[in-house]
Amino acid sequence: MAYATISDFIAVLGEQEALELSALDDASETEIQEDIIQEALDNASSEIDGHLAIRYRVPIAALPPILKKYAVILARIVTGK
């Protein structure tokens, strides 16, 4: 379960950055590649779960808003160039 959605990713970072981050090596891409962003969000959520599992049952059911933000930030790092 991803802690953030593609919509969350775009809302936090903006459409232009989401487009640039999802374009990979094709700078001429004109549409956000949702599969790339979703994979990054899934990886970020797994990373968060890895840290939280020491103390909590994961995935976290009652999602604190800060986890959504952390998931977006981690996904941004994963997709960053």
N, C-alpha and C. Protein backbone atom coordinates (compact mmCIF):
# COMPACT_ATOMS: atom_id res chain seq x y z
N MET A 1 0.84 -1.18 0.00
CA MET A 1 0.00 0.00 0.00
C MET A 1 0.89 1.24 0.00
N ALA A 2 0.73 2.07 -1.00
CA ALA A 2 1.50 3.31 -1.07
C ALA A 2 0.89 4.33 -0.11
N TYR A 3 1.75 5.08 0.56
CA TYR A 3 1.29 6.09 1.50
C TYR A 3 0.92 7.40 0.81
N ALA A 4 1.24 7.51 -0.47
CA ALA A 4 0.87 8.69 -1.24
C ALA A 4 0.44 8.25 -2.63
N THR A 5 -0.41 9.04 -3.24
CA THR A 5 -0.89 8.75 -4.58
C THR A 5 -0.15 9.60 -5.60
N ILE A 6 -0.37 9.29 -6.85
CA ILE A 6 0.20 10.10 -7.92
C ILE A 6 -0.33 11.53 -7.81
N SER A 7 -1.59 11.67 -7.48
CA SER A 7 -2.18 13.01 -7.30
C SER A 7 -1.49 13.76 -6.17
N ASP A 8 -1.16 13.06 -5.09
CA ASP A 8 -0.42 13.69 -3.98
C ASP A 8 0.95 14.16 -4.46
N PHE A 9 1.62 13.30 -5.22
CA PHE A 9 2.95 13.61 -5.75
C PHE A 9 2.88 14.89 -6.58
N ILE A 10 1.91 14.97 -7.46
CA ILE A 10 1.76 16.14 -8.33
C ILE A 10 1.37 17.38 -7.51
N ALA A 11 0.49 17.20 -6.52
CA ALA A 11 0.06 18.33 -5.71
C ALA A 11 1.22 18.93 -4.92
N VAL A 12 2.10 18.08 -4.41
CA VAL A 12 3.22 18.56 -3.61
C VAL A 12 4.31 19.17 -4.49
N LEU A 13 4.64 18.51 -5.57
CA LEU A 13 5.77 18.92 -6.40
C LEU A 13 5.41 19.78 -7.60
N GLY A 14 4.18 19.72 -8.02
CA GLY A 14 3.76 20.46 -9.21
C GLY A 14 3.85 19.60 -10.46
N GLU A 15 3.04 19.94 -11.43
CA GLU A 15 2.97 19.15 -12.66
C GLU A 15 4.28 19.17 -13.44
N GLN A 16 4.93 20.33 -13.50
CA GLN A 16 6.15 20.42 -14.29
C GLN A 16 7.25 19.53 -13.72
N GLU A 17 7.43 19.57 -12.40
CA GLU A 17 8.47 18.73 -11.80
C GLU A 17 8.12 17.25 -11.93
N ALA A 18 6.85 16.92 -11.76
CA ALA A 18 6.42 15.52 -11.93
C ALA A 18 6.70 15.06 -13.36
N LEU A 19 6.45 15.91 -14.32
CA LEU A 19 6.74 15.58 -15.73
C LEU A 19 8.23 15.38 -15.93
N GLU A 20 9.03 16.29 -15.42
CA GLU A 20 10.48 16.19 -15.58
C GLU A 20 11.04 14.94 -14.90
N LEU A 21 10.54 14.64 -13.71
CA LEU A 21 11.05 13.48 -12.98
C LEU A 21 10.63 12.16 -13.61
N SER A 22 9.48 12.15 -14.25
CA SER A 22 8.99 10.90 -14.83
C SER A 22 9.46 10.69 -16.26
N ALA A 23 10.09 11.70 -16.83
CA ALA A 23 10.51 11.61 -18.23
C ALA A 23 11.74 10.72 -18.42
N LEU A 24 12.44 10.40 -17.35
CA LEU A 24 13.68 9.63 -17.42
C LEU A 24 14.65 10.28 -18.39
N ASP A 25 15.02 9.58 -19.44
CA ASP A 25 16.00 10.12 -20.38
C ASP A 25 15.38 10.84 -21.56
N ASP A 26 14.06 10.91 -21.62
CA ASP A 26 13.39 11.54 -22.74
C ASP A 26 12.85 12.91 -22.32
N ALA A 27 13.66 13.93 -22.45
CA ALA A 27 13.28 15.27 -22.03
C ALA A 27 12.16 15.85 -22.88
N SER A 28 11.87 15.23 -24.02
CA SER A 28 10.81 15.75 -24.88
C SER A 28 9.43 15.19 -24.51
N GLU A 29 9.37 14.35 -23.48
CA GLU A 29 8.10 13.75 -23.04
C GLU A 29 7.12 14.86 -22.65
N THR A 30 5.88 14.71 -23.06
CA THR A 30 4.87 15.74 -22.78
C THR A 30 3.79 15.29 -21.80
N GLU A 31 3.82 14.03 -21.39
CA GLU A 31 2.85 13.52 -20.42
C GLU A 31 3.58 12.88 -19.25
N ILE A 32 2.99 13.05 -18.07
CA ILE A 32 3.56 12.44 -16.87
C ILE A 32 3.45 10.93 -16.99
N GLN A 33 4.55 10.26 -16.78
CA GLN A 33 4.61 8.80 -16.84
C GLN A 33 4.21 8.24 -15.47
N GLU A 34 2.92 7.98 -15.32
CA GLU A 34 2.39 7.58 -14.02
C GLU A 34 2.99 6.29 -13.50
N ASP A 35 3.36 5.37 -14.38
CA ASP A 35 3.94 4.12 -13.92
C ASP A 35 5.27 4.34 -13.22
N ILE A 36 6.03 5.29 -13.68
CA ILE A 36 7.32 5.60 -13.06
C ILE A 36 7.11 6.22 -11.69
N ILE A 37 6.17 7.15 -11.61
CA ILE A 37 5.87 7.79 -10.33
C ILE A 37 5.29 6.78 -9.35
N GLN A 38 4.40 5.91 -9.82
CA GLN A 38 3.80 4.91 -8.94
C GLN A 38 4.86 3.96 -8.38
N GLU A 39 5.79 3.55 -9.22
CA GLU A 39 6.86 2.68 -8.75
C GLU A 39 7.70 3.38 -7.68
N ALA A 40 7.99 4.65 -7.90
CA ALA A 40 8.75 5.41 -6.91
C ALA A 40 7.98 5.55 -5.61
N LEU A 41 6.67 5.79 -5.69
CA LEU A 41 5.84 5.89 -4.49
C LEU A 41 5.76 4.55 -3.76
N ASP A 42 5.67 3.46 -4.49
CA ASP A 42 5.65 2.13 -3.88
C ASP A 42 6.97 1.85 -3.16
N ASN A 43 8.07 2.20 -3.82
CA ASN A 43 9.39 2.00 -3.21
C ASN A 43 9.56 2.87 -1.96
N ALA A 44 9.08 4.10 -2.03
CA ALA A 44 9.16 4.99 -0.87
C ALA A 44 8.34 4.43 0.29
N SER A 45 7.16 3.93 -0.01
CA SER A 45 6.31 3.36 1.04
C SER A 45 6.95 2.12 1.67
N SER A 46 7.60 1.32 0.86
CA SER A 46 8.31 0.15 1.39
C SER A 46 9.46 0.57 2.30
N GLU A 47 10.15 1.62 1.90
CA GLU A 47 11.23 2.15 2.73
C GLU A 47 10.70 2.65 4.07
N ILE A 48 9.60 3.36 4.03
CA ILE A 48 8.97 3.85 5.27
C ILE A 48 8.54 2.67 6.13
N ASP A 49 7.91 1.68 5.53
CA ASP A 49 7.48 0.49 6.29
C ASP A 49 8.68 -0.20 6.94
N GLY A 50 9.78 -0.26 6.24
CA GLY A 50 10.98 -0.89 6.80
C GLY A 50 11.43 -0.24 8.09
N HIS A 51 11.31 1.06 8.14
CA HIS A 51 11.71 1.78 9.34
C HIS A 51 10.65 1.70 10.43
N LEU A 52 9.40 1.80 10.05
CA LEU A 52 8.32 1.78 11.04
C LEU A 52 8.07 0.40 11.63
N ALA A 53 8.39 -0.64 10.89
CA ALA A 53 8.10 -2.01 11.33
C ALA A 53 8.82 -2.38 12.62
N ILE A 54 9.83 -1.64 12.97
CA ILE A 54 10.55 -1.89 14.22
C ILE A 54 9.63 -1.66 15.42
N ARG A 55 8.71 -0.69 15.29
CA ARG A 55 7.86 -0.34 16.41
C ARG A 55 6.37 -0.50 16.17
N TYR A 56 5.96 -0.52 14.90
CA TYR A 56 4.54 -0.51 14.58
C TYR A 56 4.16 -1.62 13.61
N ARG A 57 2.89 -1.94 13.59
CA ARG A 57 2.38 -2.86 12.59
C ARG A 57 2.20 -2.08 11.29
N VAL A 58 2.76 -2.60 10.24
CA VAL A 58 2.67 -1.92 8.94
C VAL A 58 1.93 -2.77 7.95
N PRO A 59 1.30 -2.17 6.95
CA PRO A 59 1.25 -0.74 6.71
C PRO A 59 0.37 -0.03 7.73
N ILE A 60 0.65 1.23 7.92
CA ILE A 60 -0.08 2.05 8.88
C ILE A 60 -1.49 2.31 8.33
N ALA A 61 -2.49 1.93 9.10
CA ALA A 61 -3.87 2.08 8.64
C ALA A 61 -4.37 3.51 8.77
N ALA A 62 -4.14 4.11 9.94
CA ALA A 62 -4.55 5.50 10.17
C ALA A 62 -3.37 6.38 9.77
N LEU A 63 -3.39 6.82 8.54
CA LEU A 63 -2.25 7.51 7.95
C LEU A 63 -2.10 8.93 8.45
N PRO A 64 -1.02 9.20 9.21
CA PRO A 64 -0.74 10.59 9.58
C PRO A 64 -0.32 11.37 8.33
N PRO A 65 -0.76 12.61 8.19
CA PRO A 65 -0.43 13.39 6.99
C PRO A 65 1.07 13.48 6.71
N ILE A 66 1.88 13.46 7.74
CA ILE A 66 3.33 13.59 7.53
C ILE A 66 3.88 12.39 6.74
N LEU A 67 3.27 11.21 6.88
CA LEU A 67 3.75 10.05 6.12
C LEU A 67 3.53 10.24 4.63
N LYS A 68 2.43 10.89 4.28
CA LYS A 68 2.16 11.17 2.87
C LYS A 68 3.25 12.07 2.32
N LYS A 69 3.59 13.11 3.08
CA LYS A 69 4.63 14.04 2.64
C LYS A 69 5.98 13.34 2.54
N TYR A 70 6.32 12.52 3.53
CA TYR A 70 7.59 11.78 3.49
C TYR A 70 7.63 10.83 2.29
N ALA A 71 6.52 10.20 1.99
CA ALA A 71 6.47 9.29 0.84
C ALA A 71 6.74 10.05 -0.46
N VAL A 72 6.16 11.22 -0.59
CA VAL A 72 6.40 12.04 -1.78
C VAL A 72 7.85 12.47 -1.86
N ILE A 73 8.40 12.91 -0.74
CA ILE A 73 9.80 13.34 -0.72
C ILE A 73 10.73 12.20 -1.09
N LEU A 74 10.51 11.03 -0.52
CA LEU A 74 11.35 9.87 -0.86
C LEU A 74 11.18 9.47 -2.31
N ALA A 75 9.96 9.50 -2.80
CA ALA A 75 9.73 9.16 -4.21
C ALA A 75 10.41 10.17 -5.12
N ARG A 76 10.43 11.41 -4.73
CA ARG A 76 11.11 12.44 -5.51
C ARG A 76 12.60 12.15 -5.58
N ILE A 77 13.18 11.74 -4.46
CA ILE A 77 14.59 11.39 -4.42
C ILE A 77 14.87 10.21 -5.34
N VAL A 78 13.99 9.21 -5.29
CA VAL A 78 14.17 8.01 -6.12
C VAL A 78 14.11 8.35 -7.61
N THR A 79 13.22 9.27 -7.98
CA THR A 79 13.07 9.61 -9.40
C THR A 79 14.02 10.71 -9.83
N GLY A 80 14.63 11.39 -8.86
CA GLY A 80 15.50 12.54 -9.16
C GLY A 80 16.70 12.15 -10.01
N LYS A 81 17.16 13.12 -10.72
CA LYS A 81 18.30 12.90 -11.62
C LYS A 81 19.52 13.56 -11.07
